[in-house]
């Protein structure tokens, strides 16, 4: 599971054997959240949350939105050209 970004001391990862739609797992500080990216148009959408408070989730979503292009490129590199 390659780490594709670090935000607020958290790891943003994309699993190599994962499924569509394009999404990332955000891990650290005892929590994990999954955000669907909605590549190219965005915004990222929270799909699952295990342990992060709402205030942190909002910050994560904002940081993912700023890095959307990078994350979508990484998803495509890992999963191929028809994988959004």
N, C-alpha and C. Protein backbone atom coordinates (compact mmCIF):
# COMPACT_ATOMS: atom_id res chain seq x y z
N UNK A 1 0.84 -1.17 0.00
CA UNK A 1 0.00 0.00 0.00
C UNK A 1 0.88 1.24 0.00
N UNK A 2 1.06 1.82 -1.15
CA UNK A 2 1.92 3.00 -1.25
C UNK A 2 1.33 4.23 -0.56
N UNK A 3 2.16 4.91 0.20
CA UNK A 3 1.77 6.20 0.77
C UNK A 3 1.96 7.24 -0.33
N UNK A 4 0.89 7.95 -0.65
CA UNK A 4 0.94 8.91 -1.75
C UNK A 4 0.95 10.36 -1.28
N UNK A 5 0.72 10.56 0.04
CA UNK A 5 0.67 11.91 0.58
C UNK A 5 0.72 11.82 2.10
N UNK A 6 1.29 12.84 2.73
CA UNK A 6 1.24 13.00 4.18
C UNK A 6 0.54 14.32 4.49
N UNK A 7 -0.46 14.28 5.37
CA UNK A 7 -1.15 15.50 5.79
C UNK A 7 -1.38 15.44 7.30
N UNK A 8 -1.04 16.49 7.99
CA UNK A 8 -1.29 16.59 9.44
C UNK A 8 -0.73 15.39 10.19
N UNK A 9 0.39 14.86 9.75
CA UNK A 9 0.98 13.69 10.40
C UNK A 9 0.26 12.39 10.08
N UNK A 10 -0.65 12.41 9.12
CA UNK A 10 -1.41 11.23 8.71
C UNK A 10 -0.90 10.74 7.36
N UNK A 11 -1.03 9.43 7.13
CA UNK A 11 -0.65 8.84 5.84
C UNK A 11 -1.88 8.72 4.96
N UNK A 12 -1.73 9.09 3.70
CA UNK A 12 -2.77 8.89 2.70
C UNK A 12 -2.25 7.80 1.78
N UNK A 13 -2.98 6.68 1.73
CA UNK A 13 -2.50 5.53 0.98
C UNK A 13 -3.53 5.07 -0.05
N UNK A 14 -3.02 4.40 -1.07
CA UNK A 14 -3.84 3.74 -2.08
C UNK A 14 -3.38 2.29 -2.12
N UNK A 15 -4.28 1.38 -1.85
CA UNK A 15 -3.94 -0.04 -1.90
C UNK A 15 -3.79 -0.48 -3.35
N UNK A 16 -2.77 -1.28 -3.62
CA UNK A 16 -2.51 -1.70 -4.99
C UNK A 16 -3.54 -2.69 -5.51
N UNK A 17 -4.19 -3.43 -4.65
CA UNK A 17 -5.17 -4.43 -5.10
C UNK A 17 -6.59 -4.00 -4.76
N UNK A 18 -6.83 -2.70 -4.73
CA UNK A 18 -8.13 -2.17 -4.31
C UNK A 18 -9.09 -2.06 -5.50
N UNK A 19 -10.30 -1.68 -5.21
CA UNK A 19 -11.41 -1.64 -6.17
C UNK A 19 -11.80 -0.21 -6.50
N UNK A 20 -12.59 -0.06 -7.54
CA UNK A 20 -13.18 1.23 -7.88
C UNK A 20 -14.36 1.49 -6.96
N UNK A 21 -14.78 2.72 -6.83
CA UNK A 21 -14.26 3.94 -7.44
C UNK A 21 -12.94 4.37 -6.81
N UNK A 22 -12.28 5.30 -7.46
CA UNK A 22 -11.01 5.83 -6.95
C UNK A 22 -11.23 6.38 -5.55
N UNK A 23 -10.37 5.95 -4.63
CA UNK A 23 -10.49 6.40 -3.24
C UNK A 23 -9.14 6.27 -2.54
N UNK A 24 -9.04 6.92 -1.39
CA UNK A 24 -7.83 6.84 -0.57
C UNK A 24 -8.21 6.46 0.86
N UNK A 25 -7.24 5.88 1.54
CA UNK A 25 -7.36 5.57 2.96
C UNK A 25 -6.45 6.54 3.70
N UNK A 26 -6.97 7.19 4.71
CA UNK A 26 -6.20 8.13 5.51
C UNK A 26 -6.04 7.50 6.89
N UNK A 27 -4.78 7.32 7.32
CA UNK A 27 -4.50 6.57 8.55
C UNK A 27 -3.55 7.32 9.46
N UNK A 28 -3.76 7.12 10.75
CA UNK A 28 -2.85 7.66 11.76
C UNK A 28 -3.59 8.12 12.99
N UNK A 29 -2.84 8.33 14.06
CA UNK A 29 -3.39 8.80 15.33
C UNK A 29 -4.56 7.94 15.80
N UNK A 30 -4.49 6.65 15.52
CA UNK A 30 -5.53 5.73 15.99
C UNK A 30 -6.79 5.72 15.16
N UNK A 31 -6.80 6.39 14.01
CA UNK A 31 -7.99 6.44 13.17
C UNK A 31 -7.71 6.04 11.74
N UNK A 32 -8.77 5.75 11.03
CA UNK A 32 -8.69 5.51 9.60
C UNK A 32 -9.99 6.00 8.97
N UNK A 33 -9.86 6.64 7.82
CA UNK A 33 -11.02 7.10 7.07
C UNK A 33 -10.79 6.80 5.60
N UNK A 34 -11.88 6.56 4.89
CA UNK A 34 -11.82 6.30 3.46
C UNK A 34 -12.62 7.40 2.76
N UNK A 35 -11.99 8.02 1.76
CA UNK A 35 -12.63 9.08 0.99
C UNK A 35 -12.67 8.68 -0.48
N UNK A 36 -13.86 8.70 -1.08
CA UNK A 36 -13.99 8.58 -2.53
C UNK A 36 -13.50 9.89 -3.14
N UNK A 37 -12.72 9.78 -4.20
CA UNK A 37 -12.11 10.97 -4.78
C UNK A 37 -12.99 11.70 -5.78
N UNK A 38 -13.85 11.00 -6.49
CA UNK A 38 -14.63 11.61 -7.58
C UNK A 38 -13.68 12.31 -8.55
N UNK A 39 -12.73 11.51 -9.05
CA UNK A 39 -11.64 12.05 -9.86
C UNK A 39 -12.13 12.93 -10.98
N UNK A 40 -11.39 13.83 -11.05
CA UNK A 40 -11.24 15.07 -11.76
C UNK A 40 -12.18 16.13 -11.23
N UNK A 41 -13.47 15.86 -11.07
CA UNK A 41 -14.36 16.94 -10.65
C UNK A 41 -14.42 17.13 -9.14
N UNK A 42 -14.18 16.07 -8.34
CA UNK A 42 -14.22 16.20 -6.88
C UNK A 42 -15.59 16.64 -6.41
N UNK A 43 -15.75 17.07 -5.20
CA UNK A 43 -14.78 17.01 -4.11
C UNK A 43 -14.71 15.61 -3.51
N UNK A 44 -13.67 15.35 -2.72
CA UNK A 44 -13.61 14.05 -2.06
C UNK A 44 -14.79 13.90 -1.10
N UNK A 45 -15.27 12.67 -0.97
CA UNK A 45 -16.45 12.40 -0.15
C UNK A 45 -16.13 11.31 0.87
N UNK A 46 -16.40 11.59 2.12
CA UNK A 46 -16.16 10.60 3.17
C UNK A 46 -17.05 9.39 2.94
N UNK A 47 -16.44 8.20 2.92
CA UNK A 47 -17.19 6.95 2.76
C UNK A 47 -17.23 6.17 4.06
N UNK A 48 -16.11 6.14 4.79
CA UNK A 48 -16.03 5.41 6.04
C UNK A 48 -15.14 6.16 7.02
N UNK A 49 -15.47 6.07 8.30
CA UNK A 49 -14.66 6.70 9.33
C UNK A 49 -14.56 5.78 10.53
N UNK A 50 -13.35 5.57 10.98
CA UNK A 50 -13.09 4.76 12.16
C UNK A 50 -12.19 5.55 13.10
N UNK A 51 -12.81 6.41 13.91
CA UNK A 51 -12.07 7.04 14.99
C UNK A 51 -11.69 8.50 14.84
N UNK A 52 -11.85 9.11 13.69
CA UNK A 52 -11.50 10.52 13.57
C UNK A 52 -12.69 11.39 13.98
N UNK A 53 -12.44 12.45 14.77
CA UNK A 53 -13.52 13.39 15.09
C UNK A 53 -13.90 14.21 13.85
N UNK A 54 -15.11 14.74 13.87
CA UNK A 54 -15.65 15.51 12.74
C UNK A 54 -14.73 16.66 12.35
N UNK A 55 -14.15 17.34 13.32
CA UNK A 55 -13.29 18.48 13.02
C UNK A 55 -12.06 18.05 12.21
N UNK A 56 -11.51 16.91 12.52
CA UNK A 56 -10.35 16.39 11.78
C UNK A 56 -10.78 15.94 10.39
N UNK A 57 -11.93 15.31 10.27
CA UNK A 57 -12.42 14.87 8.96
C UNK A 57 -12.58 16.04 8.00
N UNK A 58 -13.05 17.17 8.51
CA UNK A 58 -13.20 18.35 7.66
C UNK A 58 -11.85 18.85 7.16
N UNK A 59 -10.85 18.84 8.03
CA UNK A 59 -9.50 19.25 7.63
C UNK A 59 -8.91 18.28 6.61
N UNK A 60 -9.13 16.99 6.83
CA UNK A 60 -8.63 15.99 5.89
C UNK A 60 -9.28 16.19 4.53
N UNK A 61 -10.60 16.34 4.50
CA UNK A 61 -11.31 16.53 3.23
C UNK A 61 -10.79 17.76 2.48
N UNK A 62 -10.55 18.84 3.20
CA UNK A 62 -10.03 20.06 2.56
C UNK A 62 -8.64 19.83 1.99
N UNK A 63 -7.78 19.13 2.72
CA UNK A 63 -6.43 18.85 2.23
C UNK A 63 -6.46 17.92 1.03
N UNK A 64 -7.36 16.94 1.04
CA UNK A 64 -7.49 16.03 -0.11
C UNK A 64 -7.97 16.81 -1.33
N UNK A 65 -8.90 17.74 -1.14
CA UNK A 65 -9.40 18.54 -2.26
C UNK A 65 -8.28 19.35 -2.90
N UNK A 66 -7.43 19.93 -2.09
CA UNK A 66 -6.30 20.71 -2.60
C UNK A 66 -5.35 19.83 -3.41
N UNK A 67 -5.24 18.56 -3.02
CA UNK A 67 -4.32 17.63 -3.67
C UNK A 67 -5.01 16.66 -4.64
N UNK A 68 -6.22 17.00 -5.06
CA UNK A 68 -7.02 16.10 -5.89
C UNK A 68 -6.30 15.63 -7.15
N UNK A 69 -5.70 16.55 -7.89
CA UNK A 69 -5.05 16.17 -9.14
C UNK A 69 -3.94 15.15 -8.87
N UNK A 70 -3.11 15.41 -7.86
CA UNK A 70 -2.03 14.49 -7.49
C UNK A 70 -2.58 13.12 -7.13
N UNK A 71 -3.64 13.08 -6.34
CA UNK A 71 -4.21 11.81 -5.90
C UNK A 71 -4.81 11.03 -7.05
N UNK A 72 -5.49 11.71 -7.95
CA UNK A 72 -6.07 11.04 -9.11
C UNK A 72 -4.99 10.49 -10.04
N UNK A 73 -3.92 11.23 -10.20
CA UNK A 73 -2.79 10.75 -11.00
C UNK A 73 -2.20 9.50 -10.37
N UNK A 74 -2.02 9.52 -9.06
CA UNK A 74 -1.47 8.36 -8.36
C UNK A 74 -2.39 7.15 -8.48
N UNK A 75 -3.71 7.37 -8.34
CA UNK A 75 -4.66 6.26 -8.49
C UNK A 75 -4.50 5.64 -9.88
N UNK A 76 -4.43 6.50 -10.90
CA UNK A 76 -4.32 6.02 -12.28
C UNK A 76 -3.00 5.27 -12.50
N UNK A 77 -1.90 5.77 -11.93
CA UNK A 77 -0.61 5.09 -12.04
C UNK A 77 -0.67 3.69 -11.42
N UNK A 78 -1.35 3.57 -10.31
CA UNK A 78 -1.41 2.30 -9.58
C UNK A 78 -2.41 1.33 -10.21
N UNK A 79 -3.55 1.84 -10.69
CA UNK A 79 -4.65 0.97 -11.12
C UNK A 79 -4.91 0.95 -12.62
N UNK A 80 -4.24 1.75 -13.40
CA UNK A 80 -4.42 1.71 -14.84
C UNK A 80 -5.34 2.79 -15.37
N UNK A 81 -5.43 2.86 -16.68
CA UNK A 81 -6.09 3.99 -17.34
C UNK A 81 -7.60 3.98 -17.26
N UNK A 82 -8.28 2.85 -17.08
CA UNK A 82 -9.74 2.89 -16.96
C UNK A 82 -10.18 2.48 -15.56
N UNK A 83 -9.65 3.17 -14.59
CA UNK A 83 -9.87 2.71 -13.23
C UNK A 83 -10.51 3.72 -12.29
N UNK A 84 -11.04 4.81 -12.79
CA UNK A 84 -11.67 5.76 -11.88
C UNK A 84 -12.99 5.18 -11.46
